[in-house]
Amino acid sequence: MVLSTTLIIKYKAMELSGESFLLRIFIGELDKVNGTPLYEVIVYAAKRYGIAGATVLRGIMGYGANSVVHTEKLLTLSNDLPVVVELVDEEVKIKGFLESMQKFMPKSRFGALITLERVNVLHYEASKD
């Protein structure tokens, strides 16, 4: 028998359209802060900051500044696969959040690549349920 608990929290829907900013943070899957995955720390911090949206993507292969290739191929199984955290919102909020994150990132032992680009939001709407 499998028991599952789902917590649903309703928030006021945010509005976002037109020119916005996309912040991408490339990190490793094993990067942790006090035992919590760094990607979770970033997403929950973004939520608290009021960022419109966040998505975590897990890569199947990649390398960064240290040039070590990480892959999920069976013969060369890596435990530290690449992870990309993408955050989208208006310029002021993204740049403010980025500033707060950069205070933390340089002090950490994690390798990271952080990019920022303008995007055009064509559709942003909460689900109806």
C-alpha atoms as a PDB file:
ATOM      1  CA  MET A   1       0.000   0.000   0.000  1.00  0.00           C
ATOM      2  CA  VAL A   2       1.398   3.400  -1.027  1.00  0.00           C
ATOM      3  CA  LEU A   3       0.328   6.509   0.812  1.00  0.00           C
ATOM      4  CA  SER A   4       0.728   9.880  -0.808  1.00  0.00           C
ATOM      5  CA  THR A   5       0.118  13.335   0.551  1.00  0.00           C
ATOM      6  CA  THR A   6      -0.282  16.337  -1.714  1.00  0.00           C
ATOM      7  CA  LEU A   7      -0.136  19.879  -0.406  1.00  0.00           C
ATOM      8  CA  ILE A   8      -1.906  22.422  -2.581  1.00  0.00           C
ATOM      9  CA  ILE A   9      -1.400  26.076  -1.782  1.00  0.00           C
ATOM     10  CA  LYS A  10      -3.347  28.694  -3.755  1.00  0.00           C
ATOM     11  CA  TYR A  11      -1.636  32.000  -4.478  1.00  0.00           C
ATOM     12  CA  LYS A  12      -2.881  35.090  -6.240  1.00  0.00           C
ATOM     13  CA  ALA A  13      -2.008  34.714  -9.915  1.00  0.00           C
ATOM     14  CA  MET A  14       0.825  36.949 -11.113  1.00  0.00           C
ATOM     15  CA  GLU A  15       0.644  38.856 -14.366  1.00  0.00           C
ATOM     16  CA  LEU A  16       3.440  38.885 -16.909  1.00  0.00           C
ATOM     17  CA  SER A  17       3.496  39.820 -20.585  1.00  0.00           C
ATOM     18  CA  GLY A  18       5.704  41.433 -23.175  1.00  0.00           C
ATOM     19  CA  GLU A  19       9.371  42.160 -22.584  1.00  0.00           C
ATOM     20  CA  SER A  20      10.703  40.250 -19.599  1.00  0.00           C
ATOM     21  CA  PHE A  21      13.967  38.693 -18.477  1.00  0.00           C
ATOM     22  CA  LEU A  22      15.125  35.067 -18.320  1.00  0.00           C
ATOM     23  CA  LEU A  23      17.723  34.226 -15.692  1.00  0.00           C
ATOM     24  CA  ARG A  24      19.494  30.882 -16.120  1.00  0.00           C
ATOM     25  CA  ILE A  25      21.640  29.363 -13.394  1.00  0.00           C
ATOM     26  CA  PHE A  26      23.712  26.323 -14.419  1.00  0.00           C
ATOM     27  CA  ILE A  27      24.799  24.212 -11.433  1.00  0.00           C
ATOM     28  CA  GLY A  28      25.483  20.590 -10.503  1.00  0.00           C
ATOM     29  CA  GLU A  29      22.836  18.187  -9.251  1.00  0.00           C
ATOM     30  CA  LEU A  30      24.885  17.372  -6.134  1.00  0.00           C
ATOM     31  CA  ASP A  31      25.390  20.998  -5.045  1.00  0.00           C
ATOM     32  CA  LYS A  32      23.783  21.364  -1.630  1.00  0.00           C
ATOM     33  CA  VAL A  33      23.233  24.000   1.035  1.00  0.00           C
ATOM     34  CA  ASN A  34      22.919  22.483   4.510  1.00  0.00           C
ATOM     35  CA  GLY A  35      21.805  19.178   2.975  1.00  0.00           C
ATOM     36  CA  THR A  36      19.212  20.744   0.637  1.00  0.00           C
ATOM     37  CA  PRO A  37      19.814  20.680  -3.124  1.00  0.00           C
ATOM     38  CA  LEU A  38      20.955  24.090  -4.347  1.00  0.00           C
ATOM     39  CA  TYR A  39      18.294  24.092  -7.075  1.00  0.00           C
ATOM     40  CA  GLU A  40      15.599  23.788  -4.376  1.00  0.00           C
ATOM     41  CA  VAL A  41      17.176  26.623  -2.380  1.00  0.00           C
ATOM     42  CA  ILE A  42      17.118  28.827  -5.491  1.00  0.00           C
ATOM     43  CA  VAL A  43      13.515  27.975  -6.465  1.00  0.00           C
ATOM     44  CA  TYR A  44      12.124  28.539  -2.969  1.00  0.00           C
ATOM     45  CA  ALA A  45      14.107  31.784  -2.652  1.00  0.00           C
ATOM     46  CA  ALA A  46      12.659  32.913  -5.998  1.00  0.00           C
ATOM     47  CA  LYS A  47       9.153  32.056  -4.796  1.00  0.00           C
ATOM     48  CA  ARG A  48       9.657  34.078  -1.613  1.00  0.00           C
ATOM     49  CA  TYR A  49      11.060  36.961  -3.682  1.00  0.00           C
ATOM     50  CA  GLY A  50       7.903  36.920  -5.822  1.00  0.00           C
ATOM     51  CA  ILE A  51       9.467  35.801  -9.117  1.00  0.00           C
ATOM     52  CA  ALA A  52       6.741  34.953 -11.665  1.00  0.00           C
ATOM     53  CA  GLY A  53       8.041  31.509 -12.641  1.00  0.00           C
ATOM     54  CA  ALA A  54      10.818  28.998 -12.084  1.00  0.00           C
ATOM     55  CA  THR A  55      11.685  25.681 -13.708  1.00  0.00           C
ATOM     56  CA  VAL A  56      14.478  23.216 -12.934  1.00  0.00           C
ATOM     57  CA  LEU A  57      15.850  21.193 -15.853  1.00  0.00           C
ATOM     58  CA  ARG A  58      18.065  18.137 -15.352  1.00  0.00           C
ATOM     59  CA  GLY A  59      20.618  17.556 -18.090  1.00  0.00           C
ATOM     60  CA  ILE A  60      21.771  14.194 -19.400  1.00  0.00           C
ATOM     61  CA  MET A  61      25.264  15.409 -20.267  1.00  0.00           C
ATOM     62  CA  GLY A  62      27.401  18.505 -19.915  1.00  0.00           C
ATOM     63  CA  TYR A  63      30.573  20.159 -18.653  1.00  0.00           C
ATOM     64  CA  GLY A  64      31.452  23.489 -17.150  1.00  0.00           C
ATOM     65  CA  ALA A  65      34.438  25.626 -16.249  1.00  0.00           C
ATOM     66  CA  ASN A  66      36.421  22.660 -14.881  1.00  0.00           C
ATOM     67  CA  SER A  67      35.994  20.786 -18.223  1.00  0.00           C
ATOM     68  CA  VAL A  68      34.915  17.531 -16.525  1.00  0.00           C
ATOM     69  CA  VAL A  69      32.200  15.837 -18.596  1.00  0.00           C
ATOM     70  CA  HIS A  70      29.224  14.635 -16.561  1.00  0.00           C
ATOM     71  CA  THR A  71      26.913  12.098 -18.213  1.00  0.00           C
ATOM     72  CA  GLU A  72      24.252   9.587 -17.302  1.00  0.00           C
ATOM     73  CA  LYS A  73      25.586   6.937 -19.692  1.00  0.00           C
ATOM     74  CA  LEU A  74      25.689   3.580 -17.935  1.00  0.00           C
ATOM     75  CA  LEU A  75      29.420   2.924 -18.348  1.00  0.00           C
ATOM     76  CA  THR A  76      30.458   6.382 -17.167  1.00  0.00           C
ATOM     77  CA  LEU A  77      27.679   7.098 -14.689  1.00  0.00           C
ATOM     78  CA  SER A  78      28.078  10.485 -13.037  1.00  0.00           C
ATOM     79  CA  ASN A  79      26.310  11.401  -9.836  1.00  0.00           C
ATOM     80  CA  ASP A  80      26.629  15.130 -10.521  1.00  0.00           C
ATOM     81  CA  LEU A  81      24.557  15.776 -13.624  1.00  0.00           C
ATOM     82  CA  PRO A  82      24.046  19.317 -14.910  1.00  0.00           C
ATOM     83  CA  VAL A  83      21.010  21.238 -13.662  1.00  0.00           C
ATOM     84  CA  VAL A  84      19.636  24.480 -15.068  1.00  0.00           C
ATOM     85  CA  VAL A  85      17.330  26.700 -13.027  1.00  0.00           C
ATOM     86  CA  GLU A  86      15.338  29.078 -15.230  1.00  0.00           C
ATOM     87  CA  LEU A  87      13.540  32.087 -13.750  1.00  0.00           C
ATOM     88  CA  VAL A  88      11.314  34.498 -15.681  1.00  0.00           C
ATOM     89  CA  ASP A  89       9.916  37.855 -14.598  1.00  0.00           C
ATOM     90  CA  GLU A  90      10.134  41.567 -15.276  1.00  0.00           C
ATOM     91  CA  GLU A  91      13.566  43.182 -15.401  1.00  0.00           C
ATOM     92  CA  VAL A  92      13.474  44.852 -11.972  1.00  0.00           C
ATOM     93  CA  LYS A  93      12.510  41.666 -10.123  1.00  0.00           C
ATOM     94  CA  ILE A  94      14.981  39.418 -11.948  1.00  0.00           C
ATOM     95  CA  LYS A  95      17.878  41.841 -11.470  1.00  0.00           C
ATOM     96  CA  GLY A  96      16.995  42.293  -7.794  1.00  0.00           C
ATOM     97  CA  PHE A  97      16.838  38.543  -7.273  1.00  0.00           C
ATOM     98  CA  LEU A  98      20.102  38.090  -9.186  1.00  0.00           C
ATOM     99  CA  GLU A  99      21.795  40.625  -6.925  1.00  0.00           C
ATOM    100  CA  SER A 100      20.622  38.750  -3.821  1.00  0.00           C
ATOM    101  CA  MET A 101      21.797  35.407  -5.281  1.00  0.00           C
ATOM    102  CA  GLN A 102      25.212  36.759  -6.282  1.00  0.00           C
ATOM    103  CA  LYS A 103      25.854  37.677  -2.673  1.00  0.00           C
ATOM    104  CA  PHE A 104      25.546  33.957  -1.898  1.00  0.00           C
ATOM    105  CA  MET A 105      27.054  32.268  -4.982  1.00  0.00           C
ATOM    106  CA  PRO A 106      30.624  33.682  -4.905  1.00  0.00           C
ATOM    107  CA  LYS A 107      30.964  32.682  -1.246  1.00  0.00           C
ATOM    108  CA  SER A 108      29.945  29.108  -2.000  1.00  0.00           C
ATOM    109  CA  ARG A 109      32.171  26.299  -3.207  1.00  0.00           C
ATOM    110  CA  PHE A 110      29.844  25.587  -6.131  1.00  0.00           C
ATOM    111  CA  GLY A 111      30.772  26.083  -9.725  1.00  0.00           C
ATOM    112  CA  ALA A 112      28.098  27.936 -11.652  1.00  0.00           C
ATOM    113  CA  LEU A 113      27.311  29.775 -14.859  1.00  0.00           C
ATOM    114  CA  ILE A 114      24.697  32.515 -14.644  1.00  0.00           C
ATOM    115  CA  THR A 115      23.203  34.094 -17.771  1.00  0.00           C
ATOM    116  CA  LEU A 116      20.609  36.805 -18.301  1.00  0.00           C
ATOM    117  CA  GLU A 117      18.654  37.560 -21.455  1.00  0.00           C
ATOM    118  CA  ARG A 118      15.655  39.514 -22.651  1.00  0.00           C
ATOM    119  CA  VAL A 119      12.644  37.433 -23.638  1.00  0.00           C
ATOM    120  CA  ASN A 120       9.206  38.217 -24.996  1.00  0.00           C
ATOM    121  CA  VAL A 121       6.465  36.561 -22.918  1.00  0.00           C
ATOM    122  CA  LEU A 122       3.676  35.582 -25.292  1.00  0.00           C
ATOM    123  CA  HIS A 123       1.437  33.740 -22.832  1.00  0.00           C
ATOM    124  CA  TYR A 124       1.465  33.435 -19.039  1.00  0.00           C
ATOM    125  CA  GLU A 125      -1.629  32.178 -17.282  1.00  0.00           C
ATOM    126  CA  ALA A 126      -2.389  30.095 -14.199  1.00  0.00           C
ATOM    127  CA  SER A 127      -4.324  26.837 -14.581  1.00  0.00           C
ATOM    128  CA  LYS A 128      -8.077  27.087 -14.112  1.00  0.00           C
ATOM    129  CA  ASP A 129      -8.403  24.300 -11.502  1.00  0.00           C
END
